[in-house]
């Protein structure tokens, strides 16, 4: 990744992180929060496949860590997150799940196999539409 692509990637991470931090602050302070619209952030971006993969990996690790906390078997993680009540933890997991799904969706969209699959579905839909019109 060249410097320009890296800077663009960092800017994307920063914008997503800002939205994530607002949700975390609301959860931590027991305030009502609205689920961040991570898709809206990502839809206005044009990422290449390398950036999309790195983005997915970047947020997947903390998400996996929260699930380990939820399992309760890792004592070190339990101590690290002792401030996080079960209810807050579940809300935070939900927010992280939404973020990771959005990132994975972008990565999936960039996969050539997925593009081919989408094109095949489009062709099938067109054929079925034509057949339905002919049947009328």
N, C-alpha and C. Protein backbone atom coordinates (compact mmCIF):
# COMPACT_ATOMS: atom_id res chain seq x y z
N UNK A 1 0.86 -1.17 0.00
CA UNK A 1 0.00 0.00 0.00
C UNK A 1 0.91 1.24 0.00
N UNK A 2 0.66 2.14 -0.92
CA UNK A 2 1.47 3.35 -0.95
C UNK A 2 1.01 4.33 0.13
N UNK A 3 1.74 5.44 0.27
CA UNK A 3 1.44 6.40 1.34
C UNK A 3 0.04 7.00 1.23
N UNK A 4 -0.37 7.30 0.02
CA UNK A 4 -1.70 7.90 -0.19
C UNK A 4 -2.80 6.91 0.20
N UNK A 5 -2.64 5.65 -0.20
CA UNK A 5 -3.63 4.62 0.16
C UNK A 5 -3.65 4.39 1.66
N UNK A 6 -2.47 4.41 2.28
CA UNK A 6 -2.38 4.21 3.72
C UNK A 6 -3.07 5.36 4.46
N UNK A 7 -2.85 6.58 4.01
CA UNK A 7 -3.49 7.74 4.64
C UNK A 7 -5.01 7.66 4.51
N UNK A 8 -5.47 7.22 3.36
CA UNK A 8 -6.91 7.06 3.13
C UNK A 8 -7.48 6.00 4.06
N UNK A 9 -6.74 4.90 4.20
CA UNK A 9 -7.14 3.83 5.11
C UNK A 9 -7.22 4.36 6.54
N UNK A 10 -6.20 5.08 6.97
CA UNK A 10 -6.19 5.63 8.33
C UNK A 10 -7.35 6.58 8.55
N UNK A 11 -7.67 7.39 7.56
CA UNK A 11 -8.79 8.31 7.67
C UNK A 11 -10.11 7.55 7.83
N UNK A 12 -10.23 6.45 7.10
CA UNK A 12 -11.43 5.62 7.22
C UNK A 12 -11.53 5.02 8.62
N UNK A 13 -10.41 4.48 9.11
CA UNK A 13 -10.38 3.92 10.47
C UNK A 13 -10.74 4.98 11.50
N UNK A 14 -10.20 6.17 11.33
CA UNK A 14 -10.49 7.25 12.28
C UNK A 14 -11.97 7.62 12.30
N UNK A 15 -12.58 7.69 11.13
CA UNK A 15 -14.00 8.04 11.08
C UNK A 15 -14.86 6.94 11.72
N UNK A 16 -14.53 5.69 11.42
CA UNK A 16 -15.27 4.58 12.04
C UNK A 16 -15.06 4.57 13.55
N UNK A 17 -13.84 4.83 13.97
CA UNK A 17 -13.51 4.83 15.40
C UNK A 17 -14.24 5.94 16.14
N UNK A 18 -14.37 7.10 15.51
CA UNK A 18 -15.12 8.20 16.12
C UNK A 18 -16.56 7.78 16.40
N UNK A 19 -17.18 7.13 15.43
CA UNK A 19 -18.56 6.65 15.60
C UNK A 19 -18.62 5.59 16.68
N UNK A 20 -17.65 4.71 16.70
CA UNK A 20 -17.58 3.66 17.71
C UNK A 20 -17.41 4.27 19.11
N UNK A 21 -16.52 5.23 19.23
CA UNK A 21 -16.27 5.86 20.54
C UNK A 21 -17.50 6.57 21.09
N UNK A 22 -18.27 7.20 20.21
CA UNK A 22 -19.51 7.85 20.66
C UNK A 22 -20.47 6.81 21.27
N UNK A 23 -20.58 5.68 20.61
CA UNK A 23 -21.45 4.62 21.12
C UNK A 23 -20.91 4.07 22.44
N UNK A 24 -19.60 3.86 22.51
CA UNK A 24 -18.98 3.34 23.74
C UNK A 24 -19.21 4.31 24.89
N UNK A 25 -19.03 5.61 24.65
CA UNK A 25 -19.26 6.61 25.69
C UNK A 25 -20.70 6.57 26.19
N UNK A 26 -21.63 6.45 25.27
CA UNK A 26 -23.05 6.38 25.66
C UNK A 26 -23.32 5.13 26.48
N UNK A 27 -22.76 4.01 26.05
CA UNK A 27 -22.95 2.75 26.79
C UNK A 27 -22.32 2.87 28.17
N UNK A 28 -21.11 3.35 28.23
CA UNK A 28 -20.40 3.47 29.50
C UNK A 28 -21.14 4.38 30.48
N UNK A 29 -21.73 5.47 29.96
CA UNK A 29 -22.43 6.44 30.82
C UNK A 29 -23.90 6.11 31.00
N UNK A 30 -24.30 4.90 30.61
CA UNK A 30 -25.70 4.46 30.74
C UNK A 30 -26.69 5.40 30.06
N UNK A 31 -26.28 5.95 28.93
CA UNK A 31 -27.14 6.83 28.16
C UNK A 31 -27.75 6.04 27.00
N UNK A 32 -28.87 6.52 26.51
CA UNK A 32 -29.44 5.92 25.32
C UNK A 32 -28.47 6.16 24.17
N UNK A 33 -28.31 5.16 23.35
CA UNK A 33 -27.44 5.37 22.20
C UNK A 33 -28.11 4.83 20.96
N UNK A 34 -27.76 5.46 19.87
CA UNK A 34 -28.24 5.02 18.58
C UNK A 34 -27.11 4.21 17.94
N UNK A 35 -27.47 3.08 17.36
CA UNK A 35 -26.46 2.26 16.71
C UNK A 35 -25.81 3.09 15.60
N UNK A 36 -24.48 3.19 15.63
CA UNK A 36 -23.80 3.95 14.57
C UNK A 36 -24.08 3.36 13.19
N UNK A 37 -24.16 4.20 12.20
CA UNK A 37 -24.37 3.75 10.84
C UNK A 37 -23.01 3.61 10.15
N UNK A 38 -22.34 2.51 10.44
CA UNK A 38 -21.03 2.27 9.87
C UNK A 38 -21.11 2.09 8.35
N UNK A 39 -22.22 1.55 7.88
CA UNK A 39 -22.39 1.36 6.43
C UNK A 39 -22.33 2.71 5.71
N UNK A 40 -22.93 3.73 6.29
CA UNK A 40 -22.93 5.05 5.66
C UNK A 40 -21.51 5.59 5.52
N UNK A 41 -20.69 5.36 6.54
CA UNK A 41 -19.29 5.79 6.48
C UNK A 41 -18.57 5.06 5.35
N UNK A 42 -18.79 3.76 5.28
CA UNK A 42 -18.07 2.95 4.30
C UNK A 42 -18.59 3.13 2.88
N UNK A 43 -19.87 3.44 2.74
CA UNK A 43 -20.45 3.62 1.41
C UNK A 43 -19.88 4.83 0.68
N UNK A 44 -19.46 5.82 1.43
CA UNK A 44 -18.89 7.01 0.78
C UNK A 44 -17.40 6.86 0.50
N UNK A 45 -16.85 5.72 0.86
CA UNK A 45 -15.42 5.45 0.65
C UNK A 45 -15.23 4.51 -0.53
N UNK A 46 -14.09 4.65 -1.17
CA UNK A 46 -13.71 3.71 -2.21
C UNK A 46 -12.43 3.03 -1.76
N UNK A 47 -12.58 1.84 -1.23
CA UNK A 47 -11.44 1.09 -0.72
C UNK A 47 -11.03 0.03 -1.72
N UNK A 48 -9.73 -0.25 -1.75
CA UNK A 48 -9.29 -1.38 -2.56
C UNK A 48 -9.37 -2.64 -1.70
N UNK A 49 -9.15 -3.78 -2.30
CA UNK A 49 -9.33 -5.04 -1.58
C UNK A 49 -8.36 -5.17 -0.40
N UNK A 50 -7.15 -4.68 -0.57
CA UNK A 50 -6.16 -4.74 0.52
C UNK A 50 -6.60 -3.89 1.71
N UNK A 51 -7.10 -2.69 1.42
CA UNK A 51 -7.58 -1.82 2.49
C UNK A 51 -8.79 -2.43 3.19
N UNK A 52 -9.69 -3.00 2.42
CA UNK A 52 -10.90 -3.60 3.00
C UNK A 52 -10.55 -4.79 3.89
N UNK A 53 -9.59 -5.60 3.45
CA UNK A 53 -9.18 -6.74 4.26
C UNK A 53 -8.53 -6.28 5.55
N UNK A 54 -7.66 -5.29 5.46
CA UNK A 54 -6.99 -4.76 6.63
C UNK A 54 -7.99 -4.13 7.60
N UNK A 55 -8.98 -3.46 7.06
CA UNK A 55 -10.03 -2.85 7.88
C UNK A 55 -10.81 -3.91 8.65
N UNK A 56 -11.17 -4.99 7.97
CA UNK A 56 -11.88 -6.09 8.63
C UNK A 56 -11.04 -6.68 9.75
N UNK A 57 -9.77 -6.90 9.46
CA UNK A 57 -8.87 -7.47 10.47
C UNK A 57 -8.69 -6.53 11.65
N UNK A 58 -8.61 -5.24 11.37
CA UNK A 58 -8.37 -4.23 12.39
C UNK A 58 -9.44 -4.25 13.48
N UNK A 59 -10.69 -4.38 13.07
CA UNK A 59 -11.78 -4.34 14.04
C UNK A 59 -12.20 -5.73 14.53
N UNK A 60 -11.82 -6.77 13.81
CA UNK A 60 -12.20 -8.13 14.21
C UNK A 60 -11.51 -8.57 15.50
N UNK A 61 -10.28 -8.16 15.70
CA UNK A 61 -9.55 -8.59 16.90
C UNK A 61 -10.20 -8.10 18.20
N UNK A 62 -10.51 -6.80 18.33
CA UNK A 62 -11.19 -6.37 19.57
C UNK A 62 -12.57 -7.00 19.73
N UNK A 63 -13.23 -7.26 18.61
CA UNK A 63 -14.54 -7.93 18.65
C UNK A 63 -14.38 -9.33 19.22
N UNK A 64 -13.39 -10.06 18.75
CA UNK A 64 -13.13 -11.42 19.25
C UNK A 64 -12.77 -11.38 20.73
N UNK A 65 -12.03 -10.35 21.13
CA UNK A 65 -11.65 -10.22 22.54
C UNK A 65 -12.88 -10.04 23.42
N UNK A 66 -13.84 -9.26 22.96
CA UNK A 66 -15.07 -9.07 23.73
C UNK A 66 -15.84 -10.38 23.89
N UNK A 67 -15.82 -11.20 22.85
CA UNK A 67 -16.48 -12.50 22.96
C UNK A 67 -15.78 -13.39 23.98
N UNK A 68 -14.46 -13.30 24.06
CA UNK A 68 -13.73 -14.06 25.07
C UNK A 68 -14.12 -13.59 26.47
N UNK A 69 -14.31 -12.29 26.61
CA UNK A 69 -14.76 -11.75 27.90
C UNK A 69 -16.14 -12.29 28.21
N UNK A 70 -16.98 -12.33 27.20
CA UNK A 70 -18.35 -12.82 27.38
C UNK A 70 -18.35 -14.28 27.82
N UNK A 71 -17.37 -15.07 27.33
CA UNK A 71 -17.25 -16.46 27.77
C UNK A 71 -16.85 -16.55 29.23
N UNK A 72 -16.05 -15.57 29.70
CA UNK A 72 -15.67 -15.51 31.10
C UNK A 72 -14.56 -16.46 31.52
N UNK A 73 -13.90 -17.11 30.57
CA UNK A 73 -12.89 -18.09 30.93
C UNK A 73 -11.48 -17.52 31.03
N UNK A 74 -11.22 -16.37 30.45
CA UNK A 74 -9.89 -15.77 30.46
C UNK A 74 -9.81 -14.78 31.63
N UNK A 75 -9.10 -15.17 32.68
CA UNK A 75 -9.04 -14.34 33.89
C UNK A 75 -8.43 -12.97 33.63
N UNK A 76 -7.39 -12.94 32.80
CA UNK A 76 -6.73 -11.67 32.50
C UNK A 76 -7.69 -10.70 31.80
N UNK A 77 -8.43 -11.22 30.84
CA UNK A 77 -9.41 -10.38 30.15
C UNK A 77 -10.54 -9.97 31.08
N UNK A 78 -10.95 -10.89 31.96
CA UNK A 78 -12.01 -10.56 32.91
C UNK A 78 -11.61 -9.38 33.78
N UNK A 79 -10.35 -9.36 34.22
CA UNK A 79 -9.87 -8.24 35.03
C UNK A 79 -9.81 -6.95 34.22
N UNK A 80 -9.36 -7.07 32.99
CA UNK A 80 -9.24 -5.90 32.12
C UNK A 80 -10.61 -5.25 31.88
N UNK A 81 -11.64 -6.07 31.79
CA UNK A 81 -12.99 -5.57 31.48
C UNK A 81 -13.93 -5.64 32.68
N UNK A 82 -13.42 -5.66 33.88
CA UNK A 82 -14.27 -5.77 35.06
C UNK A 82 -15.22 -4.59 35.21
N UNK A 83 -14.87 -3.45 34.64
CA UNK A 83 -15.71 -2.27 34.71
C UNK A 83 -16.96 -2.41 33.84
N UNK A 84 -16.97 -3.40 32.97
CA UNK A 84 -18.02 -3.56 31.99
C UNK A 84 -19.05 -4.57 32.49
N UNK A 85 -20.22 -4.08 32.88
CA UNK A 85 -21.28 -4.97 33.35
C UNK A 85 -21.76 -5.84 32.20
N UNK A 86 -22.51 -6.87 32.53
CA UNK A 86 -23.00 -7.79 31.50
C UNK A 86 -23.86 -7.06 30.46
N UNK A 87 -24.74 -6.20 30.92
CA UNK A 87 -25.60 -5.46 30.00
C UNK A 87 -24.81 -4.55 29.07
N UNK A 88 -23.84 -3.84 29.63
CA UNK A 88 -23.00 -2.97 28.82
C UNK A 88 -22.16 -3.79 27.85
N UNK A 89 -21.67 -4.92 28.31
CA UNK A 89 -20.85 -5.80 27.46
C UNK A 89 -21.66 -6.28 26.26
N UNK A 90 -22.90 -6.67 26.50
CA UNK A 90 -23.76 -7.14 25.41
C UNK A 90 -24.04 -6.02 24.41
N UNK A 91 -24.26 -4.80 24.90
CA UNK A 91 -24.47 -3.67 24.00
C UNK A 91 -23.22 -3.38 23.18
N UNK A 92 -22.07 -3.44 23.85
CA UNK A 92 -20.81 -3.19 23.16
C UNK A 92 -20.53 -4.27 22.11
N UNK A 93 -20.83 -5.51 22.44
CA UNK A 93 -20.67 -6.60 21.48
C UNK A 93 -21.57 -6.36 20.27
N UNK A 94 -22.77 -5.89 20.52
CA UNK A 94 -23.70 -5.61 19.42
C UNK A 94 -23.15 -4.52 18.50
N UNK A 95 -22.58 -3.47 19.08
CA UNK A 95 -22.01 -2.39 18.28
C UNK A 95 -20.81 -2.90 17.47
N UNK A 96 -19.94 -3.66 18.14
CA UNK A 96 -18.77 -4.20 17.44
C UNK A 96 -19.18 -5.18 16.35
N UNK A 97 -20.20 -5.95 16.60
CA UNK A 97 -20.71 -6.90 15.61
C UNK A 97 -21.18 -6.14 14.36
N UNK A 98 -21.90 -5.06 14.57
CA UNK A 98 -22.38 -4.24 13.46
C UNK A 98 -21.21 -3.66 12.67
N UNK A 99 -20.20 -3.19 13.38
CA UNK A 99 -19.02 -2.61 12.72
C UNK A 99 -18.28 -3.66 11.90
N UNK A 100 -18.03 -4.81 12.49
CA UNK A 100 -17.29 -5.87 11.79
C UNK A 100 -18.09 -6.37 10.58
N UNK A 101 -19.39 -6.53 10.74
CA UNK A 101 -20.22 -6.96 9.60
C UNK A 101 -20.14 -5.96 8.45
N UNK A 102 -20.15 -4.68 8.78
CA UNK A 102 -20.04 -3.65 7.74
C UNK A 102 -18.70 -3.75 7.02
N UNK A 103 -17.63 -3.94 7.77
CA UNK A 103 -16.29 -4.05 7.17
C UNK A 103 -16.18 -5.31 6.31
N UNK A 104 -16.69 -6.41 6.81
CA UNK A 104 -16.64 -7.67 6.06
C UNK A 104 -17.47 -7.55 4.79
N UNK A 105 -18.58 -6.86 4.87
CA UNK A 105 -19.44 -6.68 3.70
C UNK A 105 -18.69 -5.94 2.59
N UNK A 106 -17.95 -4.90 2.95
CA UNK A 106 -17.17 -4.16 1.97
C UNK A 106 -16.13 -5.07 1.34
N UNK A 107 -15.44 -5.85 2.18
CA UNK A 107 -14.42 -6.77 1.68
C UNK A 107 -15.03 -7.80 0.74
N UNK A 108 -16.17 -8.34 1.13
CA UNK A 108 -16.84 -9.35 0.31
C UNK A 108 -17.25 -8.77 -1.04
N UNK A 109 -17.76 -7.55 -1.02
CA UNK A 109 -18.18 -6.89 -2.26
C UNK A 109 -17.03 -6.76 -3.25
N UNK A 110 -15.82 -6.65 -2.76
CA UNK A 110 -14.66 -6.45 -3.63
C UNK A 110 -14.10 -7.76 -4.19
N UNK A 111 -14.57 -8.88 -3.68
CA UNK A 111 -14.07 -10.18 -4.15
C UNK A 111 -14.59 -10.47 -5.55
N UNK A 112 -13.70 -10.86 -6.46
CA UNK A 112 -14.13 -11.16 -7.84
C UNK A 112 -15.21 -12.25 -7.89
N UNK A 113 -15.09 -13.26 -7.03
CA UNK A 113 -16.07 -14.34 -7.02
C UNK A 113 -17.45 -13.81 -6.65
N UNK A 114 -17.48 -12.87 -5.72
CA UNK A 114 -18.76 -12.30 -5.29
C UNK A 114 -19.36 -11.46 -6.43
N UNK A 115 -18.52 -10.73 -7.12
CA UNK A 115 -19.00 -9.93 -8.24
C UNK A 115 -19.61 -10.84 -9.32
N UNK A 116 -18.95 -11.97 -9.57
CA UNK A 116 -19.46 -12.93 -10.54
C UNK A 116 -20.80 -13.50 -10.09
N UNK A 117 -20.89 -13.83 -8.80
CA UNK A 117 -22.13 -14.36 -8.24
C UNK A 117 -23.26 -13.35 -8.37
N UNK A 118 -22.98 -12.08 -8.05
CA UNK A 118 -23.99 -11.03 -8.19
C UNK A 118 -24.46 -10.91 -9.63
N UNK A 119 -23.52 -10.99 -10.57
CA UNK A 119 -23.88 -10.90 -11.98
C UNK A 119 -24.76 -12.08 -12.39
N UNK A 120 -24.43 -13.27 -11.89
CA UNK A 120 -25.25 -14.45 -12.19
C UNK A 120 -26.67 -14.29 -11.64
N UNK A 121 -26.80 -13.78 -10.42
CA UNK A 121 -28.12 -13.55 -9.85
C UNK A 121 -28.90 -12.52 -10.67
N UNK A 122 -28.19 -11.48 -11.12
CA UNK A 122 -28.84 -10.46 -11.93
C UNK A 122 -29.38 -11.07 -13.23
N UNK A 123 -28.58 -11.92 -13.86
CA UNK A 123 -29.00 -12.57 -15.11
C UNK A 123 -30.19 -13.49 -14.87
N UNK A 124 -30.17 -14.24 -13.80
CA UNK A 124 -31.28 -15.14 -13.47
C UNK A 124 -32.56 -14.33 -13.26
N UNK A 125 -32.44 -13.22 -12.52
CA UNK A 125 -33.61 -12.37 -12.26
C UNK A 125 -34.16 -11.80 -13.56
N UNK A 126 -33.27 -11.37 -14.45
CA UNK A 126 -33.73 -10.85 -15.74
C UNK A 126 -34.44 -11.93 -16.54
N UNK A 127 -33.87 -13.14 -16.57
CA UNK A 127 -34.48 -14.24 -17.30
C UNK A 127 -35.86 -14.58 -16.74
N UNK A 128 -35.96 -14.61 -15.41
CA UNK A 128 -37.26 -14.93 -14.80
C UNK A 128 -38.28 -13.84 -15.09
N UNK A 129 -37.82 -12.60 -15.12
CA UNK A 129 -38.72 -11.49 -15.43
C UNK A 129 -39.22 -11.61 -16.88
N UNK A 130 -38.32 -11.92 -17.79
CA UNK A 130 -38.71 -12.08 -19.18
C UNK A 130 -39.69 -13.26 -19.35
N UNK A 131 -39.40 -14.36 -18.66
CA UNK A 131 -40.29 -15.54 -18.75
C UNK A 131 -41.66 -15.21 -18.19
N UNK A 132 -41.72 -14.46 -17.10
CA UNK A 132 -42.99 -14.08 -16.50
C UNK A 132 -43.78 -13.18 -17.44
N UNK A 133 -43.09 -12.27 -18.12
CA UNK A 133 -43.76 -11.38 -19.05
C UNK A 133 -44.27 -12.14 -20.26
N UNK A 134 -43.51 -13.13 -20.72
CA UNK A 134 -43.94 -13.95 -21.87
C UNK A 134 -45.13 -14.82 -21.49
N UNK A 135 -45.16 -15.27 -20.25
CA UNK A 135 -46.26 -16.13 -19.79
C UNK A 135 -47.57 -15.36 -19.73
N UNK A 136 -47.50 -14.05 -19.51
CA UNK A 136 -48.71 -13.22 -19.43
C UNK A 136 -49.24 -13.06 -20.80
